[in-house]
PDB file of all heavy atoms in Angstrom:
ATOM      1  N   THR A   1       0.836  -1.191   0.000  1.00  0.00           N
ATOM      2  CA  THR A   1       0.000   0.000   0.000  1.00  0.00           C
ATOM      3  C   THR A   1       0.876   1.247   0.000  1.00  0.00           C
ATOM      4  O   THR A   1       2.079   1.190   0.300  1.00  0.00           O
ATOM      5  CB  THR A   1      -0.908   0.035   1.233  1.00  0.00           C
ATOM      6  OG1 THR A   1      -0.095   0.220   2.410  1.00  0.00           O
ATOM      7  CG2 THR A   1      -1.718  -1.256   1.357  1.00  0.00           C
ATOM      8  N   ARG A   2       0.275   2.367  -0.305  1.00  0.00           N
ATOM      9  CA  ARG A   2       1.024   3.635  -0.305  1.00  0.00           C
ATOM     10  C   ARG A   2       1.579   3.915   1.091  1.00  0.00           C
ATOM     11  O   ARG A   2       2.729   4.349   1.239  1.00  0.00           O
ATOM     12  CB  ARG A   2       0.116   4.776  -0.759  1.00  0.00           C
ATOM     13  CG  ARG A   2       0.798   6.135  -0.771  1.00  0.00           C
ATOM     14  CD  ARG A   2      -0.135   7.209  -1.286  1.00  0.00           C
ATOM     15  NE  ARG A   2       0.499   8.520  -1.254  1.00  0.00           N
ATOM     16  CZ  ARG A   2      -0.092   9.643  -1.647  1.00  0.00           C
ATOM     17  NH1 ARG A   2      -1.343   9.617  -2.112  1.00  0.00           N
ATOM     18  NH2 ARG A   2       0.556  10.795  -1.569  1.00  0.00           N
ATOM     19  N   GLU A   3       0.773   3.680   2.117  1.00  0.00           N
ATOM     20  CA  GLU A   3       1.226   3.913   3.483  1.00  0.00           C
ATOM     21  C   GLU A   3       2.411   3.021   3.820  1.00  0.00           C
ATOM     22  O   GLU A   3       3.393   3.482   4.419  1.00  0.00           O
ATOM     23  CB  GLU A   3       0.088   3.630   4.471  1.00  0.00           C
ATOM     24  CG  GLU A   3       0.515   3.751   5.938  1.00  0.00           C
ATOM     25  CD  GLU A   3      -0.498   3.166   6.908  1.00  0.00           C
ATOM     26  OE1 GLU A   3      -1.399   2.432   6.459  1.00  0.00           O
ATOM     27  OE2 GLU A   3      -0.360   3.421   8.118  1.00  0.00           O
ATOM     28  N   GLN A   4       2.340   1.775   3.429  1.00  0.00           N
ATOM     29  CA  GLN A   4       3.440   0.857   3.708  1.00  0.00           C
ATOM     30  C   GLN A   4       4.715   1.269   2.986  1.00  0.00           C
ATOM     31  O   GLN A   4       5.802   1.254   3.566  1.00  0.00           O
ATOM     32  CB  GLN A   4       3.040  -0.562   3.309  1.00  0.00           C
ATOM     33  CG  GLN A   4       1.992  -1.203   4.204  1.00  0.00           C
ATOM     34  CD  GLN A   4       1.490  -2.530   3.674  1.00  0.00           C
ATOM     35  OE1 GLN A   4       1.548  -2.798   2.459  1.00  0.00           O
ATOM     36  NE2 GLN A   4       0.974  -3.372   4.546  1.00  0.00           N
ATOM     37  N   ARG A   5       4.583   1.642   1.715  1.00  0.00           N
ATOM     38  CA  ARG A   5       5.768   2.036   0.953  1.00  0.00           C
ATOM     39  C   ARG A   5       6.408   3.281   1.558  1.00  0.00           C
ATOM     40  O   ARG A   5       7.641   3.361   1.690  1.00  0.00           O
ATOM     41  CB  ARG A   5       5.404   2.281  -0.508  1.00  0.00           C
ATOM     42  CG  ARG A   5       6.600   2.671  -1.378  1.00  0.00           C
ATOM     43  CD  ARG A   5       6.210   2.782  -2.832  1.00  0.00           C
ATOM     44  NE  ARG A   5       5.923   1.484  -3.409  1.00  0.00           N
ATOM     45  CZ  ARG A   5       6.849   0.682  -3.913  1.00  0.00           C
ATOM     46  NH1 ARG A   5       8.121   1.036  -3.914  1.00  0.00           N
ATOM     47  NH2 ARG A   5       6.506  -0.478  -4.436  1.00  0.00           N
ATOM     48  N   GLU A   6       5.605   4.264   1.918  1.00  0.00           N
ATOM     49  CA  GLU A   6       6.147   5.487   2.513  1.00  0.00           C
ATOM     50  C   GLU A   6       6.861   5.181   3.824  1.00  0.00           C
ATOM     51  O   GLU A   6       7.927   5.736   4.114  1.00  0.00           O
ATOM     52  CB  GLU A   6       5.029   6.509   2.731  1.00  0.00           C
ATOM     53  CG  GLU A   6       4.502   7.110   1.430  1.00  0.00           C
ATOM     54  CD  GLU A   6       3.318   8.039   1.649  1.00  0.00           C
ATOM     55  OE1 GLU A   6       2.794   8.076   2.798  1.00  0.00           O
ATOM     56  OE2 GLU A   6       2.915   8.720   0.683  1.00  0.00           O
ATOM     57  N   PHE A   7       6.274   4.283   4.607  1.00  0.00           N
ATOM     58  CA  PHE A   7       6.916   3.911   5.869  1.00  0.00           C
ATOM     59  C   PHE A   7       8.228   3.179   5.615  1.00  0.00           C
ATOM     60  O   PHE A   7       9.249   3.462   6.269  1.00  0.00           O
ATOM     61  CB  PHE A   7       5.985   3.033   6.702  1.00  0.00           C
ATOM     62  CG  PHE A   7       6.668   2.404   7.881  1.00  0.00           C
ATOM     63  CD1 PHE A   7       7.021   3.171   8.980  1.00  0.00           C
ATOM     64  CD2 PHE A   7       7.006   1.057   7.862  1.00  0.00           C
ATOM     65  CE1 PHE A   7       7.680   2.599  10.058  1.00  0.00           C
ATOM     66  CE2 PHE A   7       7.659   0.484   8.934  1.00  0.00           C
ATOM     67  CZ  PHE A   7       7.999   1.255  10.037  1.00  0.00           C
ATOM     68  N   LEU A   8       8.241   2.232   4.690  1.00  0.00           N
ATOM     69  CA  LEU A   8       9.461   1.484   4.407  1.00  0.00           C
ATOM     70  C   LEU A   8      10.576   2.407   3.921  1.00  0.00           C
ATOM     71  O   LEU A   8      11.749   2.248   4.310  1.00  0.00           O
ATOM     72  CB  LEU A   8       9.184   0.399   3.367  1.00  0.00           C
ATOM     73  CG  LEU A   8       8.299  -0.770   3.803  1.00  0.00           C
ATOM     74  CD1 LEU A   8       8.028  -1.695   2.623  1.00  0.00           C
ATOM     75  CD2 LEU A   8       8.925  -1.544   4.957  1.00  0.00           C
ATOM     76  N   GLU A   9      10.236   3.367   3.101  1.00  0.00           N
ATOM     77  CA  GLU A   9      11.260   4.271   2.583  1.00  0.00           C
ATOM     78  C   GLU A   9      11.776   5.204   3.682  1.00  0.00           C
ATOM     79  O   GLU A   9      12.970   5.540   3.715  1.00  0.00           O
ATOM     80  CB  GLU A   9      10.708   5.040   1.396  1.00  0.00           C
ATOM     81  CG  GLU A   9      10.496   4.116   0.175  1.00  0.00           C
ATOM     82  CD  GLU A   9       9.962   4.830  -1.043  1.00  0.00           C
ATOM     83  OE1 GLU A   9       9.531   5.998  -0.910  1.00  0.00           O
ATOM     84  OE2 GLU A   9       9.965   4.212  -2.128  1.00  0.00           O
ATOM     85  N   ARG A  10      10.891   5.617   4.587  1.00  0.00           N
ATOM     86  CA  ARG A  10      11.367   6.413   5.725  1.00  0.00           C
ATOM     87  C   ARG A  10      12.282   5.578   6.603  1.00  0.00           C
ATOM     88  O   ARG A  10      13.343   6.049   7.046  1.00  0.00           O
ATOM     89  CB  ARG A  10      10.186   6.924   6.548  1.00  0.00           C
ATOM     90  CG  ARG A  10      10.635   7.651   7.818  1.00  0.00           C
ATOM     91  CD  ARG A  10       9.519   7.880   8.804  1.00  0.00           C
ATOM     92  NE  ARG A  10      10.055   8.347  10.073  1.00  0.00           N
ATOM     93  CZ  ARG A  10       9.332   8.547  11.162  1.00  0.00           C
ATOM     94  NH1 ARG A  10       8.025   8.325  11.144  1.00  0.00           N
ATOM     95  NH2 ARG A  10       9.896   8.962  12.283  1.00  0.00           N
ATOM     96  N   LEU A  11      11.887   4.338   6.870  1.00  0.00           N
ATOM     97  CA  LEU A  11      12.715   3.445   7.672  1.00  0.00           C
ATOM     98  C   LEU A  11      14.069   3.232   7.010  1.00  0.00           C
ATOM     99  O   LEU A  11      15.112   3.246   7.684  1.00  0.00           O
ATOM    100  CB  LEU A  11      11.988   2.117   7.855  1.00  0.00           C
ATOM    101  CG  LEU A  11      12.774   0.979   8.520  1.00  0.00           C
ATOM    102  CD1 LEU A  11      13.265   1.378   9.903  1.00  0.00           C
ATOM    103  CD2 LEU A  11      11.909  -0.286   8.600  1.00  0.00           C
ATOM    104  N   GLN A  12      14.081   3.042   5.713  1.00  0.00           N
ATOM    105  CA  GLN A  12      15.347   2.872   5.010  1.00  0.00           C
ATOM    106  C   GLN A  12      16.237   4.099   5.141  1.00  0.00           C
ATOM    107  O   GLN A  12      17.433   3.990   5.397  1.00  0.00           O
ATOM    108  CB  GLN A  12      15.085   2.610   3.526  1.00  0.00           C
ATOM    109  CG  GLN A  12      14.671   1.193   3.189  1.00  0.00           C
ATOM    110  CD  GLN A  12      14.651   1.000   1.688  1.00  0.00           C
ATOM    111  OE1 GLN A  12      13.796   1.545   0.992  1.00  0.00           O
ATOM    112  NE2 GLN A  12      15.605   0.237   1.175  1.00  0.00           N
ATOM    113  N   ARG A  13      15.646   5.274   4.972  1.00  0.00           N
ATOM    114  CA  ARG A  13      16.457   6.490   5.032  1.00  0.00           C
ATOM    115  C   ARG A  13      17.054   6.687   6.425  1.00  0.00           C
ATOM    116  O   ARG A  13      18.232   7.032   6.561  1.00  0.00           O
ATOM    117  CB  ARG A  13      15.617   7.706   4.644  1.00  0.00           C
ATOM    118  CG  ARG A  13      16.416   9.009   4.685  1.00  0.00           C
ATOM    119  CD  ARG A  13      15.762  10.143   3.963  1.00  0.00           C
ATOM    120  NE  ARG A  13      16.675  11.284   3.852  1.00  0.00           N
ATOM    121  CZ  ARG A  13      16.482  12.310   3.062  1.00  0.00           C
ATOM    122  NH1 ARG A  13      15.407  12.352   2.276  1.00  0.00           N
ATOM    123  NH2 ARG A  13      17.343  13.300   3.015  1.00  0.00           N
ATOM    124  N   ASP A  14      16.245   6.457   7.453  1.00  0.00           N
ATOM    125  CA  ASP A  14      16.754   6.617   8.810  1.00  0.00           C
ATOM    126  C   ASP A  14      17.825   5.588   9.120  1.00  0.00           C
ATOM    127  O   ASP A  14      18.830   5.890   9.783  1.00  0.00           O
ATOM    128  CB  ASP A  14      15.598   6.506   9.815  1.00  0.00           C
ATOM    129  CG  ASP A  14      14.622   7.679   9.725  1.00  0.00           C
ATOM    130  OD1 ASP A  14      15.003   8.721   9.176  1.00  0.00           O
ATOM    131  OD2 ASP A  14      13.484   7.530  10.208  1.00  0.00           O
ATOM    132  N   THR A  15      17.635   4.364   8.646  1.00  0.00           N
ATOM    133  CA  THR A  15      18.615   3.307   8.892  1.00  0.00           C
ATOM    134  C   THR A  15      19.897   3.567   8.115  1.00  0.00           C
ATOM    135  O   THR A  15      21.009   3.344   8.616  1.00  0.00           O
ATOM    136  CB  THR A  15      18.028   1.936   8.519  1.00  0.00           C
ATOM    137  OG1 THR A  15      16.770   1.763   9.180  1.00  0.00           O
ATOM    138  CG2 THR A  15      18.958   0.810   8.931  1.00  0.00           C
ATOM    139  N   PHE A  16      19.763   4.055   6.892  1.00  0.00           N
ATOM    140  CA  PHE A  16      20.944   4.418   6.105  1.00  0.00           C
ATOM    141  C   PHE A  16      21.787   5.461   6.833  1.00  0.00           C
ATOM    142  O   PHE A  16      23.030   5.414   6.792  1.00  0.00           O
ATOM    143  CB  PHE A  16      20.516   4.959   4.737  1.00  0.00           C
ATOM    144  CG  PHE A  16      21.645   5.529   3.928  1.00  0.00           C
ATOM    145  CD1 PHE A  16      22.508   4.706   3.227  1.00  0.00           C
ATOM    146  CD2 PHE A  16      21.865   6.909   3.874  1.00  0.00           C
ATOM    147  CE1 PHE A  16      23.570   5.222   2.489  1.00  0.00           C
ATOM    148  CE2 PHE A  16      22.912   7.436   3.139  1.00  0.00           C
ATOM    149  CZ  PHE A  16      23.766   6.593   2.439  1.00  0.00           C
ATOM    150  N   ALA A  17      21.123   6.393   7.515  1.00  0.00           N
ATOM    151  CA  ALA A  17      21.850   7.452   8.219  1.00  0.00           C
ATOM    152  C   ALA A  17      22.779   6.886   9.278  1.00  0.00           C
ATOM    153  O   ALA A  17      23.829   7.471   9.566  1.00  0.00           O
ATOM    154  CB  ALA A  17      20.864   8.440   8.840  1.00  0.00           C
ATOM    155  N   PHE A  18      22.418   5.742   9.874  1.00  0.00           N
ATOM    156  CA  PHE A  18      23.323   5.106  10.838  1.00  0.00           C
ATOM    157  C   PHE A  18      24.659   4.799  10.166  1.00  0.00           C
ATOM    158  O   PHE A  18      25.730   5.085  10.711  1.00  0.00           O
ATOM    159  CB  PHE A  18      22.705   3.830  11.401  1.00  0.00           C
ATOM    160  CG  PHE A  18      23.678   2.999  12.204  1.00  0.00           C
ATOM    161  CD1 PHE A  18      23.896   3.276  13.540  1.00  0.00           C
ATOM    162  CD2 PHE A  18      24.396   1.961  11.614  1.00  0.00           C
ATOM    163  CE1 PHE A  18      24.802   2.525  14.277  1.00  0.00           C
ATOM    164  CE2 PHE A  18      25.308   1.209  12.338  1.00  0.00           C
ATOM    165  CZ  PHE A  18      25.511   1.491  13.677  1.00  0.00           C
ATOM    166  N   PHE A  19      24.619   4.189   9.002  1.00  0.00           N
ATOM    167  CA  PHE A  19      25.849   3.808   8.327  1.00  0.00           C
ATOM    168  C   PHE A  19      26.603   5.025   7.789  1.00  0.00           C
ATOM    169  O   PHE A  19      27.835   5.051   7.806  1.00  0.00           O
ATOM    170  CB  PHE A  19      25.540   2.818   7.202  1.00  0.00           C
ATOM    171  CG  PHE A  19      25.101   1.476   7.698  1.00  0.00           C
ATOM    172  CD1 PHE A  19      23.779   1.088   7.623  1.00  0.00           C
ATOM    173  CD2 PHE A  19      26.012   0.601   8.269  1.00  0.00           C
ATOM    174  CE1 PHE A  19      23.364  -0.148   8.098  1.00  0.00           C
ATOM    175  CE2 PHE A  19      25.621  -0.637   8.751  1.00  0.00           C
ATOM    176  CZ  PHE A  19      24.293  -1.012   8.665  1.00  0.00           C
ATOM    177  N   TRP A  20      25.873   6.015   7.328  1.00  0.00           N
ATOM    178  CA  TRP A  20      26.546   7.181   6.758  1.00  0.00           C
ATOM    179  C   TRP A  20      27.186   8.044   7.838  1.00  0.00           C
ATOM    180  O   TRP A  20      28.281   8.581   7.658  1.00  0.00           O
ATOM    181  CB  TRP A  20      25.570   8.006   5.927  1.00  0.00           C
ATOM    182  CG  TRP A  20      26.272   9.033   5.103  1.00  0.00           C
ATOM    183  CD1 TRP A  20      26.306  10.381   5.300  1.00  0.00           C
ATOM    184  CD2 TRP A  20      27.087   8.789   3.948  1.00  0.00           C
ATOM    185  NE1 TRP A  20      27.070  10.995   4.356  1.00  0.00           N
ATOM    186  CE2 TRP A  20      27.564  10.040   3.502  1.00  0.00           C
ATOM    187  CE3 TRP A  20      27.443   7.639   3.250  1.00  0.00           C
ATOM    188  CZ2 TRP A  20      28.387  10.167   2.384  1.00  0.00           C
ATOM    189  CZ3 TRP A  20      28.263   7.769   2.140  1.00  0.00           C
ATOM    190  CH2 TRP A  20      28.729   9.026   1.718  1.00  0.00           C
ATOM    191  N   ASP A  21      26.522   8.152   8.992  1.00  0.00           N
ATOM    192  CA  ASP A  21      27.039   9.006  10.062  1.00  0.00           C
ATOM    193  C   ASP A  21      28.064   8.304  10.937  1.00  0.00           C
ATOM    194  O   ASP A  21      28.804   8.954  11.669  1.00  0.00           O
ATOM    195  CB  ASP A  21      25.892   9.466  10.983  1.00  0.00           C
ATOM    196  CG  ASP A  21      24.907  10.399  10.287  1.00  0.00           C
ATOM    197  OD1 ASP A  21      25.197  10.840   9.162  1.00  0.00           O
ATOM    198  OD2 ASP A  21      23.844  10.663  10.884  1.00  0.00           O
ATOM    199  N   ALA A  22      28.121   6.979  10.888  1.00  0.00           N
ATOM    200  CA  ALA A  22      28.806   6.211  11.917  1.00  0.00           C
ATOM    201  C   ALA A  22      30.327   6.316  11.951  1.00  0.00           C
ATOM    202  O   ALA A  22      30.899   6.481  13.029  1.00  0.00           O
ATOM    203  CB  ALA A  22      28.391   4.741  11.818  1.00  0.00           C
ATOM    204  N   PRO A  23      31.073   6.192  10.839  1.00  0.00           N
ATOM    205  CA  PRO A  23      32.542   6.092  10.955  1.00  0.00           C
ATOM    206  C   PRO A  23      33.157   7.310  11.623  1.00  0.00           C
ATOM    207  O   PRO A  23      33.009   8.429  11.131  1.00  0.00           O
ATOM    208  CB  PRO A  23      33.000   5.957   9.495  1.00  0.00           C
ATOM    209  CG  PRO A  23      31.825   5.361   8.795  1.00  0.00           C
ATOM    210  CD  PRO A  23      30.628   5.982   9.463  1.00  0.00           C
ATOM    211  N   PRO A  24      33.880   7.114  12.744  1.00  0.00           N
ATOM    212  CA  PRO A  24      34.409   8.268  13.478  1.00  0.00           C
ATOM    213  C   PRO A  24      35.843   8.631  13.142  1.00  0.00           C
ATOM    214  O   PRO A  24      36.306   9.701  13.502  1.00  0.00           O
ATOM    215  CB  PRO A  24      34.332   7.788  14.934  1.00  0.00           C
ATOM    216  CG  PRO A  24      34.642   6.321  14.824  1.00  0.00           C
ATOM    217  CD  PRO A  24      34.066   5.868  13.501  1.00  0.00           C
ATOM    218  N   GLY A  25      36.574   7.714  12.484  1.00  0.00           N
ATOM    219  CA  GLY A  25      38.008   7.905  12.376  1.00  0.00           C
ATOM    220  C   GLY A  25      38.514   8.403  11.042  1.00  0.00           C
ATOM    221  O   GLY A  25      39.722   8.451  10.808  1.00  0.00           O
ATOM    222  N   GLY A  26      37.616   8.745  10.115  1.00  0.00           N
ATOM    223  CA  GLY A  26      38.045   9.201   8.810  1.00  0.00           C
ATOM    224  C   GLY A  26      38.597   8.101   7.929  1.00  0.00           C
ATOM    225  O   GLY A  26      39.192   8.384   6.891  1.00  0.00           O
ATOM    226  N   ASN A  27      38.395   6.841   8.344  1.00  0.00           N
ATOM    227  CA  ASN A  27      38.939   5.714   7.596  1.00  0.00           C
ATOM    228  C   ASN A  27      37.857   4.788   7.052  1.00  0.00           C
ATOM    229  O   ASN A  27      38.155   3.747   6.480  1.00  0.00           O
ATOM    230  CB  ASN A  27      39.906   4.912   8.470  1.00  0.00           C
ATOM    231  CG  ASN A  27      39.269   4.493   9.793  1.00  0.00           C
ATOM    232  OD1 ASN A  27      38.045   4.512   9.934  1.00  0.00           O
ATOM    233  ND2 ASN A  27      40.095   4.136  10.758  1.00  0.00           N
ATOM    234  N   GLY A  28      36.601   5.142   7.261  1.00  0.00           N
ATOM    235  CA  GLY A  28      35.493   4.367   6.722  1.00  0.00           C
ATOM    236  C   GLY A  28      35.127   3.137   7.518  1.00  0.00           C
ATOM    237  O   GLY A  28      34.260   2.370   7.092  1.00  0.00           O
ATOM    238  N   LEU A  29      35.750   2.909   8.667  1.00  0.00           N
ATOM    239  CA  LEU A  29      35.460   1.718   9.470  1.00  0.00           C
ATOM    240  C   LEU A  29      34.217   1.959  10.324  1.00  0.00           C
ATOM    241  O   LEU A  29      34.180   2.887  11.129  1.00  0.00           O
ATOM    242  CB  LEU A  29      36.655   1.352  10.346  1.00  0.00           C
ATOM    243  CG  LEU A  29      37.941   1.011   9.586  1.00  0.00           C
ATOM    244  CD1 LEU A  29      39.050   0.625  10.559  1.00  0.00           C
ATOM    245  CD2 LEU A  29      37.698  -0.121   8.575  1.00  0.00           C
ATOM    246  N   THR A  30      33.218   1.115  10.150  1.00  0.00           N
ATOM    247  CA  THR A  30      31.910   1.319  10.753  1.00  0.00           C
ATOM    248  C   THR A  30      31.850   0.737  12.157  1.00  0.00           C
ATOM    249  O   THR A  30      32.204  -0.434  12.363  1.00  0.00           O
ATOM    250  CB  THR A  30      30.827   0.637   9.894  1.00  0.00           C
ATOM    251  OG1 THR A  30      30.944   1.111   8.554  1.00  0.00           O
ATOM    252  CG2 THR A  30      29.439   0.925  10.420  1.00  0.00           C
ATOM    253  N   PRO A  31      31.380   1.497  13.143  1.00  0.00           N
ATOM    254  CA  PRO A  31      31.251   0.959  14.507  1.00  0.00           C
ATOM    255  C   PRO A  31      30.301  -0.230  14.565  1.00  0.00           C
ATOM    256  O   PRO A  31      29.315  -0.301  13.821  1.00  0.00           O
ATOM    257  CB  PRO A  31      30.707   2.142  15.302  1.00  0.00           C
ATOM    258  CG  PRO A  31      31.149   3.348  14.554  1.00  0.00           C
ATOM    259  CD  PRO A  31      31.087   2.942  13.104  1.00  0.00           C
ATOM    260  N   ASP A  32      30.600  -1.125  15.483  1.00  0.00           N
ATOM    261  CA  ASP A  32      29.754  -2.289  15.701  1.00  0.00           C
ATOM    262  C   ASP A  32      28.386  -1.880  16.229  1.00  0.00           C
ATOM    263  O   ASP A  32      27.371  -2.465  15.846  1.00  0.00           O
ATOM    264  CB  ASP A  32      30.438  -3.221  16.698  1.00  0.00           C
ATOM    265  CG  ASP A  32      29.594  -4.425  17.056  1.00  0.00           C
ATOM    266  OD1 ASP A  32      29.260  -5.196  16.140  1.00  0.00           O
ATOM    267  OD2 ASP A  32      29.273  -4.600  18.249  1.00  0.00           O
ATOM    268  N   ARG A  33      28.351  -0.885  17.096  1.00  0.00           N
ATOM    269  CA  ARG A  33      27.088  -0.440  17.682  1.00  0.00           C
ATOM    270  C   ARG A  33      27.195   1.027  18.080  1.00  0.00           C
ATOM    271  O   ARG A  33      28.279   1.589  18.190  1.00  0.00           O
ATOM    272  CB  ARG A  33      26.703  -1.293  18.876  1.00  0.00           C
ATOM    273  CG  ARG A  33      27.704  -1.318  20.011  1.00  0.00           C
ATOM    274  CD  ARG A  33      27.139  -2.000  21.261  1.00  0.00           C
ATOM    275  NE  ARG A  33      26.789  -3.380  21.042  1.00  0.00           N
ATOM    276  CZ  ARG A  33      25.647  -3.935  21.476  1.00  0.00           C
ATOM    277  NH1 ARG A  33      24.775  -3.199  22.141  1.00  0.00           N
ATOM    278  NH2 ARG A  33      25.393  -5.221  21.271  1.00  0.00           N
ATOM    279  N   SER A  34      26.030   1.622  18.327  1.00  0.00           N
ATOM    280  CA  SER A  34      25.975   3.062  18.558  1.00  0.00           C
ATOM    281  C   SER A  34      26.599   3.479  19.877  1.00  0.00           C
ATOM    282  O   SER A  34      27.053   4.615  20.012  1.00  0.00           O
ATOM    283  CB  SER A  34      24.520   3.533  18.509  1.00  0.00           C
ATOM    284  OG  SER A  34      23.712   2.817  19.443  1.00  0.00           O
ATOM    285  N   SER A  35      26.658   2.587  20.863  1.00  0.00           N
ATOM    286  CA  SER A  35      27.157   2.979  22.182  1.00  0.00           C
ATOM    287  C   SER A  35      28.666   3.076  22.239  1.00  0.00           C
ATOM    288  O   SER A  35      29.214   3.647  23.179  1.00  0.00           O
ATOM    289  CB  SER A  35      26.678   1.982  23.245  1.00  0.00           C
ATOM    290  OG  SER A  35      27.197   0.683  22.968  1.00  0.00           O
ATOM    291  N   ASN A  36      29.360   2.513  21.261  1.00  0.00           N
ATOM    292  CA  ASN A  36      30.818   2.508  21.294  1.00  0.00           C
ATOM    293  C   ASN A  36      31.369   2.807  19.906  1.00  0.00           C
ATOM    294  O   ASN A  36      31.753   1.898  19.172  1.00  0.00           O
ATOM    295  CB  ASN A  36      31.343   1.161  21.789  1.00  0.00           C
ATOM    296  CG  ASN A  36      32.847   1.180  22.045  1.00  0.00           C
ATOM    297  OD1 ASN A  36      33.522   2.190  21.811  1.00  0.00           O
ATOM    298  ND2 ASN A  36      33.393   0.069  22.520  1.00  0.00           N
ATOM    299  N   PRO A  37      31.412   4.073  19.525  1.00  0.00           N
ATOM    300  CA  PRO A  37      31.865   4.411  18.164  1.00  0.00           C
ATOM    301  C   PRO A  37      33.319   4.078  17.902  1.00  0.00           C
ATOM    302  O   PRO A  37      33.746   4.074  16.744  1.00  0.00           O
ATOM    303  CB  PRO A  37      31.625   5.928  18.091  1.00  0.00           C
ATOM    304  CG  PRO A  37      31.599   6.389  19.514  1.00  0.00           C
ATOM    305  CD  PRO A  37      31.025   5.264  20.306  1.00  0.00           C
ATOM    306  N   ASP A  38      34.083   3.782  18.951  1.00  0.00           N
ATOM    307  CA  ASP A  38      35.503   3.493  18.752  1.00  0.00           C
ATOM    308  C   ASP A  38      35.783   2.019  18.477  1.00  0.00           C
ATOM    309  O   ASP A  38      36.932   1.638  18.256  1.00  0.00           O
ATOM    310  CB  ASP A  38      36.304   3.940  19.977  1.00  0.00           C
ATOM    311  CG  ASP A  38      36.376   5.457  20.084  1.00  0.00           C
ATOM    312  OD1 ASP A  38      36.305   6.126  19.032  1.00  0.00           O
ATOM    313  OD2 ASP A  38      36.489   5.968  21.212  1.00  0.00           O
ATOM    314  N   LEU A  39      34.743   1.171  18.486  1.00  0.00           N
ATOM    315  CA  LEU A  39      34.930  -0.249  18.203  1.00  0.00           C
ATOM    316  C   LEU A  39      34.207  -0.600  16.911  1.00  0.00           C
ATOM    317  O   LEU A  39      32.980  -0.570  16.848  1.00  0.00           O
ATOM    318  CB  LEU A  39      34.394  -1.109  19.349  1.00  0.00           C
ATOM    319  CG  LEU A  39      34.625  -2.621  19.195  1.00  0.00           C
ATOM    320  CD1 LEU A  39      36.116  -2.949  19.317  1.00  0.00           C
ATOM    321  CD2 LEU A  39      33.811  -3.397  20.223  1.00  0.00           C
ATOM    322  N   ALA A  40      34.971  -0.929  15.885  1.00  0.00           N
ATOM    323  CA  ALA A  40      34.399  -1.282  14.582  1.00  0.00           C
ATOM    324  C   ALA A  40      34.315  -2.795  14.457  1.00  0.00           C
ATOM    325  O   ALA A  40      35.065  -3.530  15.098  1.00  0.00           O
ATOM    326  CB  ALA A  40      35.252  -0.729  13.447  1.00  0.00           C
TER     327      ALA A  40
END
């Protein structure tokens, strides 16, 4: 449905932001979890 598609795309965008915002060291290494950005 339209509602489902809009929700899925919002969920995708928000989830993508985790990966795009995550690397802290300028080297592209992604943290394992949000609570410890220094552990990839």
